[in-house]
Amino acid sequence: MEKEVSYNTKNSYSTLNTFSNKTKNVWFVCHGISFLSRYFLKYFNDLNPKENYIIAPQAQSKYYLGYKYKHVGASWLTRENTQKEIDNLMKYLDAVFDKEKLPDNVNLIALGFSQGVSVIMRYMAKKKLICSQLVLLSGMIPKELTREDFEFLNGKTKVSLIYGTNDEFLSEEKLIYEKKRFNELFGNEAIIIPFDGKHEVNKQVIKDLISPN
């Protein structure tokens, strides 16, 4: 018989740079599977440190990568007890925002990479998180989300779907399906940005997100 208990737990998160009155952009970034948040920050270290403050939550489930038990990665969710894990995850992300105490007028950019796409999208849909940009990088849109879940954005959020043209995890069939889902949720005005690369974070694409047109 499988039973259940409730208990208090702690988890870390990582930040890059310092939030100040010179900060123009706050990035809330969710890493992909097998990452640790502190290493995910390296993809944002080319941004102007005075103008950009990056917050990287840490997936709770850590494990060893490979058989040498040297490097550690982490996963946000699995198919096991998924809804309970989502509930725990939402509370954790709430705690990160509570800890940071960001001002209401901050220019927030929400970004998910790979498995982090499902995390950031579920959090935005549940919490009605307002941001200037929502960036979906090389990940899959959760099947349960609908257009109504994002109507609160009211066309004021720039939404981008970004992927590498040689992504080893993205078949042509999957790409067609994800583009269709993307347009269903956000409309044809949302932006699709392919880049020459694999299943990776492209630092130049990240910089271009905040570059003047």
Protein backbone atom coordinates (compact mmCIF):
# COMPACT_ATOMS: atom_id res chain seq x y z
CA MET A 1 0.00 0.00 0.00
CA GLU A 2 1.36 3.42 -0.98
CA LYS A 3 0.76 6.11 1.63
CA GLU A 4 1.48 9.82 1.77
CA VAL A 5 2.99 12.28 4.25
CA SER A 6 3.52 16.03 4.28
CA TYR A 7 6.75 17.63 5.46
CA ASN A 8 8.77 20.82 5.09
CA THR A 9 11.75 20.87 2.77
CA LYS A 10 14.33 23.33 1.43
CA ASN A 11 15.78 23.83 -2.04
CA SER A 12 18.37 26.17 -3.50
CA TYR A 13 18.25 28.52 -6.47
CA SER A 14 20.95 30.55 -8.21
CA THR A 15 21.30 34.17 -9.29
CA LEU A 16 23.67 36.05 -11.54
CA ASN A 17 24.60 39.73 -11.06
CA THR A 18 22.97 42.08 -8.54
CA PHE A 19 19.55 43.66 -8.66
CA SER A 20 19.81 47.47 -8.38
CA ASN A 21 18.23 50.69 -9.64
CA LYS A 22 20.30 50.21 -12.81
CA THR A 23 18.71 46.84 -13.57
CA LYS A 24 16.63 46.92 -16.75
CA ASN A 25 15.73 43.24 -17.12
CA VAL A 26 15.05 40.46 -14.67
CA TRP A 27 15.28 37.00 -16.21
CA PHE A 28 13.45 34.09 -14.55
CA VAL A 29 15.00 31.06 -16.26
CA CYS A 30 14.18 27.36 -15.86
CA HIS A 31 16.91 24.96 -16.93
CA GLY A 32 16.55 21.72 -18.84
CA ILE A 33 16.89 18.15 -17.64
CA SER A 34 20.35 17.11 -16.34
CA PHE A 35 21.32 20.72 -15.48
CA LEU A 36 22.05 22.38 -12.18
CA SER A 37 20.88 25.97 -11.95
CA ARG A 38 24.32 27.42 -11.17
CA TYR A 39 25.73 25.97 -14.40
CA PHE A 40 22.73 27.08 -16.44
CA LEU A 41 23.63 30.68 -15.59
CA LYS A 42 26.66 30.53 -17.91
CA TYR A 43 24.37 31.06 -20.91
CA PHE A 44 23.50 34.52 -19.60
CA ASN A 45 26.95 35.79 -18.61
CA ASP A 46 27.40 37.74 -21.85
CA LEU A 47 24.51 40.06 -20.94
CA ASN A 48 25.33 43.45 -19.47
CA PRO A 49 25.73 42.64 -15.74
CA LYS A 50 24.53 46.07 -14.60
CA GLU A 51 21.32 45.87 -16.63
CA ASN A 52 20.42 42.19 -16.31
CA TYR A 53 19.65 40.19 -13.18
CA ILE A 54 19.10 36.45 -13.66
CA ILE A 55 17.20 34.12 -11.32
CA ALA A 56 17.57 30.39 -11.99
CA PRO A 57 15.39 28.03 -9.91
CA GLN A 58 16.75 24.56 -9.21
CA ALA A 59 14.89 21.36 -10.13
CA GLN A 60 14.35 19.35 -6.97
CA SER A 61 15.16 15.82 -8.12
CA LYS A 62 18.94 15.42 -8.35
CA TYR A 63 20.80 12.38 -9.62
CA TYR A 64 24.25 11.29 -10.82
CA LEU A 65 25.02 11.58 -14.53
CA GLY A 66 26.68 8.45 -15.92
CA TYR A 67 28.31 5.63 -14.03
CA LYS A 68 31.32 7.43 -12.57
CA TYR A 69 29.10 9.21 -9.99
CA LYS A 70 31.04 12.41 -10.50
CA HIS A 71 28.64 14.89 -12.10
CA VAL A 72 25.17 15.70 -10.82
CA GLY A 73 22.11 16.73 -12.82
CA ALA A 74 18.47 17.28 -11.98
CA SER A 75 14.95 16.79 -13.29
CA TRP A 76 11.83 18.87 -12.70
CA LEU A 77 9.13 16.24 -13.23
CA THR A 78 8.48 12.69 -14.37
CA ARG A 79 5.34 10.71 -15.17
CA GLU A 80 5.37 9.43 -11.55
CA ASN A 81 2.92 11.35 -9.30
CA THR A 82 3.11 14.20 -11.78
CA GLN A 83 0.28 16.34 -10.41
CA LYS A 84 1.58 16.17 -6.84
CA GLU A 85 5.05 17.07 -8.08
CA ILE A 86 3.61 20.01 -10.04
CA ASP A 87 1.85 21.23 -6.90
CA ASN A 88 5.12 21.05 -4.95
CA LEU A 89 6.96 22.79 -7.77
CA MET A 90 4.46 25.66 -7.90
CA LYS A 91 4.94 26.24 -4.15
CA TYR A 92 8.70 26.23 -4.58
CA LEU A 93 8.60 28.81 -7.38
CA ASP A 94 6.27 30.94 -5.25
CA ALA A 95 8.89 30.81 -2.50
CA VAL A 96 11.62 31.96 -4.90
CA PHE A 97 9.56 34.99 -5.94
CA ASP A 98 8.72 35.73 -2.29
CA LYS A 99 12.41 35.60 -1.41
CA GLU A 100 13.43 37.95 -4.23
CA LYS A 101 10.75 40.59 -3.49
CA LEU A 102 10.88 42.03 -7.01
CA PRO A 103 9.10 45.36 -7.57
CA ASP A 104 5.83 45.25 -9.50
CA ASN A 105 7.16 47.37 -12.36
CA VAL A 106 10.13 45.11 -13.14
CA ASN A 107 10.73 44.15 -16.79
CA LEU A 108 10.41 40.40 -16.34
CA ILE A 109 11.54 37.90 -18.96
CA ALA A 110 10.39 34.31 -18.34
CA LEU A 111 12.43 31.66 -20.15
CA GLY A 112 12.31 27.89 -20.19
CA PHE A 113 14.78 25.58 -21.89
CA SER A 114 13.90 21.99 -22.80
CA GLN A 115 12.07 20.48 -19.79
CA GLY A 116 12.04 23.97 -18.28
CA VAL A 117 9.51 25.04 -20.94
CA SER A 118 6.79 22.96 -19.29
CA VAL A 119 7.75 24.38 -15.89
CA ILE A 120 7.60 28.05 -16.82
CA MET A 121 4.41 27.64 -18.87
CA ARG A 122 2.57 25.82 -16.10
CA TYR A 123 3.67 28.42 -13.56
CA MET A 124 2.59 31.33 -15.73
CA ALA A 125 -0.78 29.72 -16.45
CA LYS A 126 -1.48 28.94 -12.80
CA LYS A 127 -0.21 32.18 -11.26
CA LYS A 128 -1.18 34.53 -14.11
CA LEU A 129 2.37 35.82 -14.11
CA ILE A 130 2.71 39.01 -16.13
CA CYS A 131 5.97 39.42 -18.00
CA SER A 132 7.31 41.41 -20.94
CA GLN A 133 8.59 38.29 -22.70
CA LEU A 134 7.87 34.57 -22.57
CA VAL A 135 10.63 32.55 -24.23
CA LEU A 136 10.09 28.86 -25.04
CA LEU A 137 13.42 27.36 -26.01
CA SER A 138 13.64 23.83 -27.42
CA GLY A 139 10.90 22.37 -25.26
CA MET A 140 7.43 20.86 -25.44
CA ILE A 141 4.20 22.65 -24.54
CA PRO A 142 2.21 20.80 -21.83
CA LYS A 143 -0.80 19.08 -23.37
CA GLU A 144 -3.27 20.28 -20.74
CA LEU A 145 -2.71 24.00 -21.39
CA THR A 146 -5.17 25.92 -23.57
CA ARG A 147 -5.44 29.36 -25.13
CA GLU A 148 -7.71 30.43 -22.28
CA ASP A 149 -4.86 29.81 -19.82
CA PHE A 150 -2.92 32.68 -21.41
CA GLU A 151 -5.67 35.16 -22.22
CA PHE A 152 -4.51 37.20 -19.21
CA LEU A 153 -1.44 38.22 -21.23
CA ASN A 154 -3.82 40.29 -23.38
CA GLY A 155 -1.34 40.60 -26.24
CA LYS A 156 1.08 42.65 -24.12
CA THR A 157 3.68 39.90 -23.75
CA LYS A 158 6.11 39.07 -26.54
CA VAL A 159 6.07 35.29 -26.94
CA SER A 160 8.85 33.45 -28.78
CA LEU A 161 9.29 29.81 -29.73
CA ILE A 162 12.98 29.14 -30.39
CA TYR A 163 14.59 25.93 -31.60
CA GLY A 164 17.75 24.64 -33.24
CA THR A 165 17.32 23.44 -36.82
CA ASN A 166 19.50 20.41 -36.00
CA ASP A 167 17.90 19.61 -32.63
CA GLU A 168 18.43 15.88 -32.16
CA PHE A 169 15.28 15.59 -30.03
CA LEU A 170 13.01 17.43 -32.46
CA SER A 171 11.71 15.41 -35.39
CA GLU A 172 9.90 17.07 -38.28
CA GLU A 173 6.64 15.59 -36.98
CA LYS A 174 7.22 16.99 -33.48
CA LEU A 175 8.17 20.38 -34.87
CA ILE A 176 4.96 20.62 -36.90
CA TYR A 177 2.92 19.63 -33.85
CA GLU A 178 4.65 22.12 -31.50
CA LYS A 179 4.28 24.99 -33.97
CA LYS A 180 0.58 24.17 -34.27
CA ARG A 181 0.17 24.11 -30.47
CA PHE A 182 2.14 27.33 -30.18
CA ASN A 183 -0.15 29.13 -32.62
CA GLU A 184 -3.23 27.69 -30.92
CA LEU A 185 -2.14 29.14 -27.57
CA PHE A 186 -0.69 32.47 -28.63
CA GLY A 187 -1.94 33.25 -32.12
CA ASN A 188 -0.10 33.93 -35.33
CA GLU A 189 1.39 37.16 -33.95
CA ALA A 190 3.74 35.14 -31.71
CA ILE A 191 7.27 34.73 -33.00
CA ILE A 192 9.01 31.53 -34.15
CA ILE A 193 12.81 31.79 -34.25
CA PRO A 194 14.90 28.91 -35.66
CA PHE A 195 18.67 29.03 -35.26
CA ASP A 196 21.52 26.99 -36.69
CA GLY A 197 22.28 24.56 -33.89
CA LYS A 198 21.34 21.49 -31.87
CA HIS A 199 19.45 21.01 -28.59
CA GLU A 200 21.22 23.85 -26.87
CA VAL A 201 20.98 27.38 -25.56
CA ASN A 202 22.32 29.80 -28.16
CA LYS A 203 23.89 32.77 -26.39
CA GLN A 204 23.55 35.07 -29.37
CA VAL A 205 19.82 34.35 -29.59
CA ILE A 206 19.55 35.22 -25.89
CA LYS A 207 21.30 38.55 -26.47
CA ASP A 208 19.10 39.29 -29.47
CA LEU A 209 15.97 38.98 -27.30
CA ILE A 210 16.77 42.32 -25.64
CA SER A 211 18.54 44.01 -28.54
CA PRO A 212 16.80 47.03 -30.07
CA ASN A 213 15.04 46.25 -33.36
